[in-house]
């Protein structure tokens, strides 16, 4: 079982790296341990695109590396405290999406100007502003999880994003879509002073029509693209 989880987290990390979420050695994706011991995530010191199954370990809720060795990321509480607060969440992604960072730092809300944005809004994507520093303590992780609420993503203002899902593919696809949604909104704003976006009714209808069964298809596409590049 642990070998399967390690391989899944490694593949997810590589997918995110290939999708533009790589940020040198920072950023991570996790899977909830099925035995309730904590979070499986990559070792610190490696880029997303470098992650292999051997570079994935199990970190407990107290921050101890339980299985797998390697250096632990300081921001493990993003994962463990989200799992503690959200029983429905089985995967967490934290990356430093440049487009999402730019949009949230500007103080703007994400608007449904694209299919990608309809995956998230309505309601509004929450903003975590208590700190722009690393989420290094259980207290900060708990505060971030509280701000996330029951949403599928949150902006860590001046820092990055956190996306969650019922499984690893869903959380990874959410991160990819959020980055694309923010990029499209920034491009839309640059095109003119009065951007148009869907109202709540249309946005919810589009979410159902576009994403009803497509999340796993998007994940499979991203994995195929990764493999076609020899990774």
C-alpha atoms as a PDB file:
ATOM      1  CA  UNK A   1       0.000   0.000   0.000  1.00  0.00           C
ATOM      2  CA  UNK A   2       2.745   2.510   0.926  1.00  0.00           C
ATOM      3  CA  UNK A   3       4.522   1.805  -2.372  1.00  0.00           C
ATOM      4  CA  UNK A   4       1.351   2.698  -4.287  1.00  0.00           C
ATOM      5  CA  UNK A   5       0.867   5.950  -2.352  1.00  0.00           C
ATOM      6  CA  UNK A   6       4.492   6.927  -2.849  1.00  0.00           C
ATOM      7  CA  UNK A   7       4.228   6.325  -6.576  1.00  0.00           C
ATOM      8  CA  UNK A   8       1.011   8.348  -6.783  1.00  0.00           C
ATOM      9  CA  UNK A   9       2.495  11.316  -4.894  1.00  0.00           C
ATOM     10  CA  UNK A  10       5.605  11.144  -7.081  1.00  0.00           C
ATOM     11  CA  UNK A  11       3.532  11.144 -10.267  1.00  0.00           C
ATOM     12  CA  UNK A  12       1.417  14.026  -8.969  1.00  0.00           C
ATOM     13  CA  UNK A  13       4.549  16.029  -8.174  1.00  0.00           C
ATOM     14  CA  UNK A  14       5.932  15.453 -11.650  1.00  0.00           C
ATOM     15  CA  UNK A  15       2.603  16.406 -13.243  1.00  0.00           C
ATOM     16  CA  UNK A  16       2.574  19.670 -11.304  1.00  0.00           C
ATOM     17  CA  UNK A  17       6.154  20.389 -12.271  1.00  0.00           C
ATOM     18  CA  UNK A  18       5.366  19.814 -15.941  1.00  0.00           C
ATOM     19  CA  UNK A  19       2.238  21.988 -15.680  1.00  0.00           C
ATOM     20  CA  UNK A  20       4.210  25.060 -14.603  1.00  0.00           C
ATOM     21  CA  UNK A  21       3.972  24.755 -10.831  1.00  0.00           C
ATOM     22  CA  UNK A  22       7.650  24.007 -10.268  1.00  0.00           C
ATOM     23  CA  UNK A  23       9.425  26.574  -8.086  1.00  0.00           C
ATOM     24  CA  UNK A  24      12.995  25.365  -7.645  1.00  0.00           C
ATOM     25  CA  UNK A  25      12.802  23.054  -4.581  1.00  0.00           C
ATOM     26  CA  UNK A  26       9.570  24.466  -3.098  1.00  0.00           C
ATOM     27  CA  UNK A  27       5.979  23.239  -3.262  1.00  0.00           C
ATOM     28  CA  UNK A  28       4.507  19.868  -2.364  1.00  0.00           C
ATOM     29  CA  UNK A  29       1.540  17.549  -2.784  1.00  0.00           C
ATOM     30  CA  UNK A  30       0.361  15.047  -0.204  1.00  0.00           C
ATOM     31  CA  UNK A  31      -1.914  12.072   0.209  1.00  0.00           C
ATOM     32  CA  UNK A  32      -3.647  11.242   3.470  1.00  0.00           C
ATOM     33  CA  UNK A  33      -2.269   8.090   5.062  1.00  0.00           C
ATOM     34  CA  UNK A  34      -5.061   5.476   4.937  1.00  0.00           C
ATOM     35  CA  UNK A  35      -4.145   4.341   8.455  1.00  0.00           C
ATOM     36  CA  UNK A  36      -4.560   7.854   9.844  1.00  0.00           C
ATOM     37  CA  UNK A  37      -0.890   8.399  10.668  1.00  0.00           C
ATOM     38  CA  UNK A  38      -0.362  11.652   8.745  1.00  0.00           C
ATOM     39  CA  UNK A  39       0.571  12.817   5.250  1.00  0.00           C
ATOM     40  CA  UNK A  40       2.671  11.281   2.483  1.00  0.00           C
ATOM     41  CA  UNK A  41       4.668  14.037   0.770  1.00  0.00           C
ATOM     42  CA  UNK A  42       7.969  14.578  -0.995  1.00  0.00           C
ATOM     43  CA  UNK A  43      11.288  15.054   0.739  1.00  0.00           C
ATOM     44  CA  UNK A  44      12.546  18.603   1.143  1.00  0.00           C
ATOM     45  CA  UNK A  45      15.316  19.727  -1.185  1.00  0.00           C
ATOM     46  CA  UNK A  46      13.950  18.281  -4.424  1.00  0.00           C
ATOM     47  CA  UNK A  47      12.119  19.984  -7.260  1.00  0.00           C
ATOM     48  CA  UNK A  48       8.665  18.765  -8.248  1.00  0.00           C
ATOM     49  CA  UNK A  49       9.962  17.281 -11.486  1.00  0.00           C
ATOM     50  CA  UNK A  50      12.649  15.322  -9.590  1.00  0.00           C
ATOM     51  CA  UNK A  51      10.319  13.474  -7.232  1.00  0.00           C
ATOM     52  CA  UNK A  52      10.394   9.686  -7.353  1.00  0.00           C
ATOM     53  CA  UNK A  53       8.662   7.166  -5.123  1.00  0.00           C
ATOM     54  CA  UNK A  54      11.872   6.863  -3.114  1.00  0.00           C
ATOM     55  CA  UNK A  55      11.712  10.615  -2.381  1.00  0.00           C
ATOM     56  CA  UNK A  56       8.281  10.436  -0.744  1.00  0.00           C
ATOM     57  CA  UNK A  57       7.874   9.881   2.986  1.00  0.00           C
ATOM     58  CA  UNK A  58       5.214   9.734   5.687  1.00  0.00           C
ATOM     59  CA  UNK A  59       5.086  12.681   8.093  1.00  0.00           C
ATOM     60  CA  UNK A  60       3.059  12.380  11.280  1.00  0.00           C
ATOM     61  CA  UNK A  61       0.800  15.020  12.766  1.00  0.00           C
ATOM     62  CA  UNK A  62       3.615  15.971  15.149  1.00  0.00           C
ATOM     63  CA  UNK A  63       6.046  16.504  12.259  1.00  0.00           C
ATOM     64  CA  UNK A  64       8.039  13.327  12.824  1.00  0.00           C
ATOM     65  CA  UNK A  65       9.111  11.362   9.737  1.00  0.00           C
ATOM     66  CA  UNK A  66       7.516   7.983  10.375  1.00  0.00           C
ATOM     67  CA  UNK A  67       8.476   6.135   7.233  1.00  0.00           C
ATOM     68  CA  UNK A  68      10.769   6.825   4.294  1.00  0.00           C
ATOM     69  CA  UNK A  69      13.601   8.937   5.716  1.00  0.00           C
ATOM     70  CA  UNK A  70      14.740  12.153   4.037  1.00  0.00           C
ATOM     71  CA  UNK A  71      14.493  15.787   5.101  1.00  0.00           C
ATOM     72  CA  UNK A  72      11.022  17.042   5.961  1.00  0.00           C
ATOM     73  CA  UNK A  73       9.420  20.184   4.507  1.00  0.00           C
ATOM     74  CA  UNK A  74       8.882  22.904   7.107  1.00  0.00           C
ATOM     75  CA  UNK A  75       5.346  23.488   5.861  1.00  0.00           C
ATOM     76  CA  UNK A  76       4.048  20.005   6.655  1.00  0.00           C
ATOM     77  CA  UNK A  77       1.261  21.591   8.831  1.00  0.00           C
ATOM     78  CA  UNK A  78      -0.449  22.790   5.634  1.00  0.00           C
ATOM     79  CA  UNK A  79      -1.170  19.135   4.975  1.00  0.00           C
ATOM     80  CA  UNK A  80      -1.619  17.618   8.409  1.00  0.00           C
ATOM     81  CA  UNK A  81      -3.857  20.375   9.765  1.00  0.00           C
ATOM     82  CA  UNK A  82      -6.005  20.379   6.634  1.00  0.00           C
ATOM     83  CA  UNK A  83      -6.457  16.625   7.004  1.00  0.00           C
ATOM     84  CA  UNK A  84      -7.315  17.133  10.667  1.00  0.00           C
ATOM     85  CA  UNK A  85      -9.940  19.774   9.855  1.00  0.00           C
ATOM     86  CA  UNK A  86     -11.399  18.221   6.701  1.00  0.00           C
ATOM     87  CA  UNK A  87     -12.269  14.501   6.872  1.00  0.00           C
ATOM     88  CA  UNK A  88     -13.492  14.744   3.268  1.00  0.00           C
ATOM     89  CA  UNK A  89     -10.044  15.784   2.007  1.00  0.00           C
ATOM     90  CA  UNK A  90      -7.562  13.056   1.103  1.00  0.00           C
ATOM     91  CA  UNK A  91      -5.039  15.120  -0.864  1.00  0.00           C
ATOM     92  CA  UNK A  92      -3.522  18.596  -0.509  1.00  0.00           C
ATOM     93  CA  UNK A  93      -1.447  20.613  -3.002  1.00  0.00           C
ATOM     94  CA  UNK A  94       0.630  23.657  -2.091  1.00  0.00           C
ATOM     95  CA  UNK A  95       2.478  25.474  -4.873  1.00  0.00           C
ATOM     96  CA  UNK A  96       3.683  28.961  -5.699  1.00  0.00           C
ATOM     97  CA  UNK A  97       1.615  29.562  -8.828  1.00  0.00           C
ATOM     98  CA  UNK A  98       2.881  32.877 -10.180  1.00  0.00           C
ATOM     99  CA  UNK A  99      -0.439  33.886 -11.692  1.00  0.00           C
ATOM    100  CA  UNK A 100      -2.376  33.056  -8.522  1.00  0.00           C
ATOM    101  CA  UNK A 101       0.172  34.869  -6.384  1.00  0.00           C
ATOM    102  CA  UNK A 102      -0.081  37.970  -8.589  1.00  0.00           C
ATOM    103  CA  UNK A 103      -3.879  37.992  -8.650  1.00  0.00           C
ATOM    104  CA  UNK A 104      -4.348  37.477  -4.914  1.00  0.00           C
ATOM    105  CA  UNK A 105      -1.623  39.987  -3.995  1.00  0.00           C
ATOM    106  CA  UNK A 106      -3.488  42.592  -6.047  1.00  0.00           C
ATOM    107  CA  UNK A 107      -6.464  42.206  -3.699  1.00  0.00           C
ATOM    108  CA  UNK A 108      -8.798  40.979  -6.433  1.00  0.00           C
ATOM    109  CA  UNK A 109     -11.246  38.138  -6.158  1.00  0.00           C
ATOM    110  CA  UNK A 110     -11.144  35.356  -8.711  1.00  0.00           C
ATOM    111  CA  UNK A 111     -14.007  35.971 -11.149  1.00  0.00           C
ATOM    112  CA  UNK A 112     -15.683  33.422 -13.450  1.00  0.00           C
ATOM    113  CA  UNK A 113     -14.248  34.827 -16.658  1.00  0.00           C
ATOM    114  CA  UNK A 114     -13.253  31.332 -17.884  1.00  0.00           C
ATOM    115  CA  UNK A 115     -14.193  27.665 -17.679  1.00  0.00           C
ATOM    116  CA  UNK A 116     -11.295  27.147 -15.276  1.00  0.00           C
ATOM    117  CA  UNK A 117     -12.586  29.779 -12.861  1.00  0.00           C
ATOM    118  CA  UNK A 118     -16.046  28.185 -12.895  1.00  0.00           C
ATOM    119  CA  UNK A 119     -14.499  25.183 -11.184  1.00  0.00           C
ATOM    120  CA  UNK A 120     -14.078  27.348  -8.063  1.00  0.00           C
ATOM    121  CA  UNK A 121     -16.536  30.259  -8.033  1.00  0.00           C
ATOM    122  CA  UNK A 122     -19.104  30.773  -6.745  1.00  0.00           C
ATOM    123  CA  UNK A 123     -18.552  30.998  -3.820  1.00  0.00           C
ATOM    124  CA  UNK A 124     -15.485  33.215  -3.616  1.00  0.00           C
ATOM    125  CA  UNK A 125     -12.093  31.594  -3.167  1.00  0.00           C
ATOM    126  CA  UNK A 126     -10.965  32.547   0.357  1.00  0.00           C
ATOM    127  CA  UNK A 127      -7.800  34.548   1.059  1.00  0.00           C
ATOM    128  CA  UNK A 128      -5.480  33.733   3.968  1.00  0.00           C
ATOM    129  CA  UNK A 129      -3.822  36.940   5.157  1.00  0.00           C
ATOM    130  CA  UNK A 130      -2.701  36.140   8.707  1.00  0.00           C
ATOM    131  CA  UNK A 131       0.852  35.733   7.416  1.00  0.00           C
ATOM    132  CA  UNK A 132       2.730  35.549   4.117  1.00  0.00           C
ATOM    133  CA  UNK A 133       5.523  33.601   5.827  1.00  0.00           C
ATOM    134  CA  UNK A 134       5.852  29.828   5.838  1.00  0.00           C
ATOM    135  CA  UNK A 135       3.093  27.811   7.500  1.00  0.00           C
ATOM    136  CA  UNK A 136       5.494  26.137   9.905  1.00  0.00           C
ATOM    137  CA  UNK A 137       3.400  25.480  13.013  1.00  0.00           C
ATOM    138  CA  UNK A 138       0.248  23.483  13.739  1.00  0.00           C
ATOM    139  CA  UNK A 139      -1.353  26.731  14.938  1.00  0.00           C
ATOM    140  CA  UNK A 140      -0.786  28.447  11.584  1.00  0.00           C
ATOM    141  CA  UNK A 141      -1.828  25.302   9.730  1.00  0.00           C
ATOM    142  CA  UNK A 142      -5.035  25.157  11.747  1.00  0.00           C
ATOM    143  CA  UNK A 143      -5.738  28.845  11.077  1.00  0.00           C
ATOM    144  CA  UNK A 144      -5.204  28.308   7.366  1.00  0.00           C
ATOM    145  CA  UNK A 145      -7.497  25.267   7.379  1.00  0.00           C
ATOM    146  CA  UNK A 146     -10.158  27.309   9.177  1.00  0.00           C
ATOM    147  CA  UNK A 147      -9.890  30.021   6.509  1.00  0.00           C
ATOM    148  CA  UNK A 148     -10.171  27.358   3.803  1.00  0.00           C
ATOM    149  CA  UNK A 149     -13.433  26.176   5.318  1.00  0.00           C
ATOM    150  CA  UNK A 150     -15.230  23.831   2.947  1.00  0.00           C
ATOM    151  CA  UNK A 151     -13.713  25.385  -0.203  1.00  0.00           C
ATOM    152  CA  UNK A 152     -11.550  23.456  -2.661  1.00  0.00           C
ATOM    153  CA  UNK A 153      -8.822  26.131  -2.759  1.00  0.00           C
ATOM    154  CA  UNK A 154      -7.427  29.086  -0.860  1.00  0.00           C
ATOM    155  CA  UNK A 155      -5.054  31.905  -1.779  1.00  0.00           C
ATOM    156  CA  UNK A 156      -2.140  32.331   0.620  1.00  0.00           C
ATOM    157  CA  UNK A 157      -1.702  36.025  -0.127  1.00  0.00           C
ATOM    158  CA  UNK A 158       1.889  36.956  -1.097  1.00  0.00           C
ATOM    159  CA  UNK A 159       2.795  33.278  -0.814  1.00  0.00           C
ATOM    160  CA  UNK A 160       0.945  30.795  -3.042  1.00  0.00           C
ATOM    161  CA  UNK A 161      -2.070  28.509  -3.153  1.00  0.00           C
ATOM    162  CA  UNK A 162      -3.480  25.460  -1.404  1.00  0.00           C
ATOM    163  CA  UNK A 163      -5.868  23.163  -3.257  1.00  0.00           C
ATOM    164  CA  UNK A 164      -7.606  20.111  -1.834  1.00  0.00           C
ATOM    165  CA  UNK A 165      -9.585  17.177  -3.095  1.00  0.00           C
ATOM    166  CA  UNK A 166     -11.112  13.808  -2.205  1.00  0.00           C
ATOM    167  CA  UNK A 167      -8.136  12.177  -3.937  1.00  0.00           C
ATOM    168  CA  UNK A 168      -4.771  13.107  -5.400  1.00  0.00           C
ATOM    169  CA  UNK A 169      -5.932  13.545  -9.014  1.00  0.00           C
ATOM    170  CA  UNK A 170      -8.696  15.946  -7.954  1.00  0.00           C
ATOM    171  CA  UNK A 171      -6.354  18.135  -5.891  1.00  0.00           C
ATOM    172  CA  UNK A 172      -3.745  18.245  -8.662  1.00  0.00           C
ATOM    173  CA  UNK A 173      -6.296  19.141 -11.328  1.00  0.00           C
ATOM    174  CA  UNK A 174      -7.656  21.865  -9.036  1.00  0.00           C
ATOM    175  CA  UNK A 175      -4.178  23.403  -8.742  1.00  0.00           C
ATOM    176  CA  UNK A 176      -3.684  23.314 -12.512  1.00  0.00           C
ATOM    177  CA  UNK A 177      -7.093  24.874 -13.116  1.00  0.00           C
ATOM    178  CA  UNK A 178      -6.595  27.599 -10.503  1.00  0.00           C
ATOM    179  CA  UNK A 179      -3.309  28.677 -12.070  1.00  0.00           C
ATOM    180  CA  UNK A 180      -4.942  28.787 -15.513  1.00  0.00           C
ATOM    181  CA  UNK A 181      -7.963  30.678 -14.170  1.00  0.00           C
ATOM    182  CA  UNK A 182      -5.764  33.341 -12.598  1.00  0.00           C
ATOM    183  CA  UNK A 183      -3.677  33.643 -15.761  1.00  0.00           C
ATOM    184  CA  UNK A 184      -6.807  34.136 -17.846  1.00  0.00           C
ATOM    185  CA  UNK A 185      -8.195  36.771 -15.495  1.00  0.00           C
ATOM    186  CA  UNK A 186      -4.949  38.730 -15.580  1.00  0.00           C
ATOM    187  CA  UNK A 187      -4.993  38.565 -19.387  1.00  0.00           C
ATOM    188  CA  UNK A 188      -8.645  39.669 -19.422  1.00  0.00           C
ATOM    189  CA  UNK A 189      -7.894  42.677 -17.227  1.00  0.00           C
ATOM    190  CA  UNK A 190      -5.037  43.658 -19.505  1.00  0.00           C
ATOM    191  CA  UNK A 191      -7.386  43.557 -22.511  1.00  0.00           C
ATOM    192  CA  UNK A 192      -9.680  46.280 -21.209  1.00  0.00           C
ATOM    193  CA  UNK A 193     -10.990  48.149 -18.172  1.00  0.00           C
ATOM    194  CA  UNK A 194     -14.420  46.489 -17.937  1.00  0.00           C
ATOM    195  CA  UNK A 195     -14.106  42.692 -17.830  1.00  0.00           C
ATOM    196  CA  UNK A 196     -17.244  40.586 -18.075  1.00  0.00           C
ATOM    197  CA  UNK A 197     -17.896  37.402 -16.127  1.00  0.00           C
ATOM    198  CA  UNK A 198     -20.700  34.875 -15.654  1.00  0.00           C
ATOM    199  CA  UNK A 199     -23.294  35.426 -12.979  1.00  0.00           C
ATOM    200  CA  UNK A 200     -23.645  32.789 -10.252  1.00  0.00           C
ATOM    201  CA  UNK A 201     -26.393  30.854 -12.041  1.00  0.00           C
ATOM    202  CA  UNK A 202     -24.472  30.537 -15.284  1.00  0.00           C
ATOM    203  CA  UNK A 203     -21.212  29.816 -13.469  1.00  0.00           C
ATOM    204  CA  UNK A 204     -22.760  26.898 -11.568  1.00  0.00           C
ATOM    205  CA  UNK A 205     -24.359  25.546 -14.734  1.00  0.00           C
ATOM    206  CA  UNK A 206     -21.032  25.742 -16.553  1.00  0.00           C
ATOM    207  CA  UNK A 207     -19.302  23.949 -13.671  1.00  0.00           C
ATOM    208  CA  UNK A 208     -21.727  21.069 -13.973  1.00  0.00           C
ATOM    209  CA  UNK A 209     -21.575  20.957 -17.772  1.00  0.00           C
ATOM    210  CA  UNK A 210     -17.796  21.243 -18.080  1.00  0.00           C
ATOM    211  CA  UNK A 211     -16.584  19.276 -15.054  1.00  0.00           C
ATOM    212  CA  UNK A 212     -19.307  16.731 -14.401  1.00  0.00           C
ATOM    213  CA  UNK A 213     -17.044  13.799 -15.321  1.00  0.00           C
ATOM    214  CA  UNK A 214     -13.955  15.539 -16.643  1.00  0.00           C
ATOM    215  CA  UNK A 215     -11.635  15.806 -13.637  1.00  0.00           C
ATOM    216  CA  UNK A 216     -10.259  12.279 -13.986  1.00  0.00           C
ATOM    217  CA  UNK A 217     -10.016  12.752 -17.750  1.00  0.00           C
ATOM    218  CA  UNK A 218      -7.900  15.864 -17.202  1.00  0.00           C
ATOM    219  CA  UNK A 219      -5.699  13.963 -14.737  1.00  0.00           C
ATOM    220  CA  UNK A 220      -5.228  11.104 -17.203  1.00  0.00           C
ATOM    221  CA  UNK A 221      -4.356  13.601 -19.930  1.00  0.00           C
ATOM    222  CA  UNK A 222      -1.761  15.285 -17.723  1.00  0.00           C
ATOM    223  CA  UNK A 223      -0.196  11.914 -16.896  1.00  0.00           C
ATOM    224  CA  UNK A 224      -0.168  10.903 -20.584  1.00  0.00           C
ATOM    225  CA  UNK A 225       1.521  14.164 -21.478  1.00  0.00           C
ATOM    226  CA  UNK A 226       4.091  13.572 -18.757  1.00  0.00           C
ATOM    227  CA  UNK A 227       4.814  10.060 -20.030  1.00  0.00           C
ATOM    228  CA  UNK A 228       5.021  11.202 -23.645  1.00  0.00           C
ATOM    229  CA  UNK A 229       7.857  13.487 -22.574  1.00  0.00           C
ATOM    230  CA  UNK A 230       9.744  10.503 -21.216  1.00  0.00           C
ATOM    231  CA  UNK A 231       9.166  11.096 -17.516  1.00  0.00           C
END
